[in-house]
Amino acid sequence: MTENLSRVDIYNEDYVDVNHAYVQIYKFYKRLLEAEDADEEVMAVLREILLVFNPTLDRIKSEMTVKTRFKEENMPDKNKKNMKEKETQVILHGNFTGE
């Protein structure tokens, strides 16, 4: 029998995975921008997904009751370095106009 979960429960459990999907789509889009023969229809669809997805993720995160990042003081030095590198690579508010 399934338990009754609220949307916030689901947000708390699945936000990281959904955000990861956004980041993967964004990285894919950025790579396609570099292609000489990028398909404009595919690019347009990806831009639309990102434009709609971004504020939705912000809304979901604003309703969450759990933190989405670890506190740095509880992390080994190696993980701190990896987290900082990842933070500089992820741009959640990109320019999707293709300019």
C-alpha atoms as a PDB file:
ATOM      1  CA  MET A   1       0.000   0.000   0.000  1.00  0.00           C
ATOM      2  CA  THR A   2       1.349   3.433  -0.923  1.00  0.00           C
ATOM      3  CA  GLU A   3       1.607   6.086   1.699  1.00  0.00           C
ATOM      4  CA  ASN A   4      -0.014   9.438   1.131  1.00  0.00           C
ATOM      5  CA  LEU A   5       2.730  11.920   0.395  1.00  0.00           C
ATOM      6  CA  SER A   6       2.363  15.633   0.121  1.00  0.00           C
ATOM      7  CA  ARG A   7       3.912  17.551  -2.761  1.00  0.00           C
ATOM      8  CA  VAL A   8       6.529  18.945  -0.352  1.00  0.00           C
ATOM      9  CA  ASP A   9       7.488  15.388   0.644  1.00  0.00           C
ATOM     10  CA  ILE A  10       7.983  14.565  -3.019  1.00  0.00           C
ATOM     11  CA  TYR A  11       9.858  17.825  -3.634  1.00  0.00           C
ATOM     12  CA  ASN A  12      12.172  17.012  -0.719  1.00  0.00           C
ATOM     13  CA  GLU A  13      12.835  13.505  -2.002  1.00  0.00           C
ATOM     14  CA  ASP A  14      13.210  14.183  -5.731  1.00  0.00           C
ATOM     15  CA  TYR A  15      14.449  17.766  -6.188  1.00  0.00           C
ATOM     16  CA  VAL A  16      18.118  16.828  -6.500  1.00  0.00           C
ATOM     17  CA  ASP A  17      17.352  14.325  -9.280  1.00  0.00           C
ATOM     18  CA  VAL A  18      15.102  16.766 -11.129  1.00  0.00           C
ATOM     19  CA  ASN A  19      17.696  19.530 -10.822  1.00  0.00           C
ATOM     20  CA  HIS A  20      20.328  17.123 -12.150  1.00  0.00           C
ATOM     21  CA  ALA A  21      18.126  16.479 -15.188  1.00  0.00           C
ATOM     22  CA  TYR A  22      17.936  20.237 -15.786  1.00  0.00           C
ATOM     23  CA  VAL A  23      21.718  20.546 -15.557  1.00  0.00           C
ATOM     24  CA  GLN A  24      22.180  17.676 -18.018  1.00  0.00           C
ATOM     25  CA  ILE A  25      19.778  19.280 -20.507  1.00  0.00           C
ATOM     26  CA  TYR A  26      21.586  22.600 -20.102  1.00  0.00           C
ATOM     27  CA  LYS A  27      24.993  20.996 -20.725  1.00  0.00           C
ATOM     28  CA  PHE A  28      23.604  19.216 -23.795  1.00  0.00           C
ATOM     29  CA  TYR A  29      22.167  22.491 -25.106  1.00  0.00           C
ATOM     30  CA  LYS A  30      25.471  24.336 -24.569  1.00  0.00           C
ATOM     31  CA  ARG A  31      27.377  21.615 -26.447  1.00  0.00           C
ATOM     32  CA  LEU A  32      24.920  21.753 -29.344  1.00  0.00           C
ATOM     33  CA  LEU A  33      25.448  25.514 -29.585  1.00  0.00           C
ATOM     34  CA  GLU A  34      29.015  24.723 -30.621  1.00  0.00           C
ATOM     35  CA  ALA A  35      27.972  22.377 -33.434  1.00  0.00           C
ATOM     36  CA  GLU A  36      28.209  23.727 -36.971  1.00  0.00           C
ATOM     37  CA  ASP A  37      25.141  21.766 -38.026  1.00  0.00           C
ATOM     38  CA  ALA A  38      22.956  22.166 -34.915  1.00  0.00           C
ATOM     39  CA  ASP A  39      19.303  21.423 -35.630  1.00  0.00           C
ATOM     40  CA  GLU A  40      17.427  24.665 -34.965  1.00  0.00           C
ATOM     41  CA  GLU A  41      14.188  22.827 -34.168  1.00  0.00           C
ATOM     42  CA  VAL A  42      15.940  20.733 -31.509  1.00  0.00           C
ATOM     43  CA  MET A  43      17.648  23.831 -30.143  1.00  0.00           C
ATOM     44  CA  ALA A  44      14.352  25.713 -29.957  1.00  0.00           C
ATOM     45  CA  VAL A  45      12.687  22.869 -28.039  1.00  0.00           C
ATOM     46  CA  LEU A  46      15.596  22.629 -25.604  1.00  0.00           C
ATOM     47  CA  ARG A  47      15.501  26.417 -25.049  1.00  0.00           C
ATOM     48  CA  GLU A  48      11.784  26.233 -24.283  1.00  0.00           C
ATOM     49  CA  ILE A  49      12.280  23.345 -21.860  1.00  0.00           C
ATOM     50  CA  LEU A  50      15.026  25.246 -20.034  1.00  0.00           C
ATOM     51  CA  LEU A  51      13.054  28.496 -19.941  1.00  0.00           C
ATOM     52  CA  VAL A  52      10.038  26.772 -18.411  1.00  0.00           C
ATOM     53  CA  PHE A  53      11.987  24.364 -16.228  1.00  0.00           C
ATOM     54  CA  ASN A  54      14.159  26.984 -14.494  1.00  0.00           C
ATOM     55  CA  PRO A  55      11.444  28.988 -12.675  1.00  0.00           C
ATOM     56  CA  THR A  56       9.636  25.750 -11.873  1.00  0.00           C
ATOM     57  CA  LEU A  57      12.733  24.433 -10.110  1.00  0.00           C
ATOM     58  CA  ASP A  58      12.971  27.713  -8.194  1.00  0.00           C
ATOM     59  CA  ARG A  59       9.356  27.370  -7.114  1.00  0.00           C
ATOM     60  CA  ILE A  60       9.847  23.760  -6.032  1.00  0.00           C
ATOM     61  CA  LYS A  61      12.984  24.670  -4.083  1.00  0.00           C
ATOM     62  CA  SER A  62      11.195  27.541  -2.345  1.00  0.00           C
ATOM     63  CA  GLU A  63       8.626  25.094  -0.941  1.00  0.00           C
ATOM     64  CA  MET A  64      11.103  22.480   0.214  1.00  0.00           C
ATOM     65  CA  THR A  65      11.649  21.885   3.906  1.00  0.00           C
ATOM     66  CA  VAL A  66      15.061  20.191   3.589  1.00  0.00           C
ATOM     67  CA  LYS A  67      18.367  21.699   2.514  1.00  0.00           C
ATOM     68  CA  THR A  68      19.722  20.634  -0.865  1.00  0.00           C
ATOM     69  CA  ARG A  69      23.429  21.087  -0.102  1.00  0.00           C
ATOM     70  CA  PHE A  70      25.715  19.586   2.497  1.00  0.00           C
ATOM     71  CA  LYS A  71      27.392  21.865   4.975  1.00  0.00           C
ATOM     72  CA  GLU A  72      31.032  22.208   3.992  1.00  0.00           C
ATOM     73  CA  GLU A  73      32.382  21.800   7.519  1.00  0.00           C
ATOM     74  CA  ASN A  74      31.040  18.220   7.586  1.00  0.00           C
ATOM     75  CA  MET A  75      32.740  17.256   4.311  1.00  0.00           C
ATOM     76  CA  PRO A  76      36.182  15.812   3.683  1.00  0.00           C
ATOM     77  CA  ASP A  77      38.525  18.284   1.918  1.00  0.00           C
ATOM     78  CA  LYS A  78      38.401  16.236  -1.300  1.00  0.00           C
ATOM     79  CA  ASN A  79      34.591  16.568  -1.465  1.00  0.00           C
ATOM     80  CA  LYS A  80      34.754  20.296  -0.717  1.00  0.00           C
ATOM     81  CA  LYS A  81      37.019  20.798  -3.733  1.00  0.00           C
ATOM     82  CA  ASN A  82      34.741  18.704  -5.983  1.00  0.00           C
ATOM     83  CA  MET A  83      31.650  20.580  -4.810  1.00  0.00           C
ATOM     84  CA  LYS A  84      33.270  23.968  -5.475  1.00  0.00           C
ATOM     85  CA  GLU A  85      34.311  22.846  -8.967  1.00  0.00           C
ATOM     86  CA  LYS A  86      30.795  21.614  -9.700  1.00  0.00           C
ATOM     87  CA  GLU A  87      29.284  24.847  -8.411  1.00  0.00           C
ATOM     88  CA  THR A  88      31.352  26.867 -10.864  1.00  0.00           C
ATOM     89  CA  GLN A  89      30.316  24.614 -13.755  1.00  0.00           C
ATOM     90  CA  VAL A  90      26.552  24.696 -13.175  1.00  0.00           C
ATOM     91  CA  ILE A  91      24.732  27.756 -14.455  1.00  0.00           C
ATOM     92  CA  LEU A  92      21.035  27.599 -13.659  1.00  0.00           C
ATOM     93  CA  HIS A  93      20.109  30.973 -15.142  1.00  0.00           C
ATOM     94  CA  GLY A  94      21.558  30.730 -18.618  1.00  0.00           C
ATOM     95  CA  ASN A  95      20.925  32.736 -21.741  1.00  0.00           C
ATOM     96  CA  PHE A  96      18.846  30.544 -24.036  1.00  0.00           C
ATOM     97  CA  THR A  97      18.439  32.964 -26.907  1.00  0.00           C
ATOM     98  CA  GLY A  98      21.355  31.402 -28.780  1.00  0.00           C
ATOM     99  CA  GLU A  99      23.116  34.741 -29.049  1.00  0.00           C
END
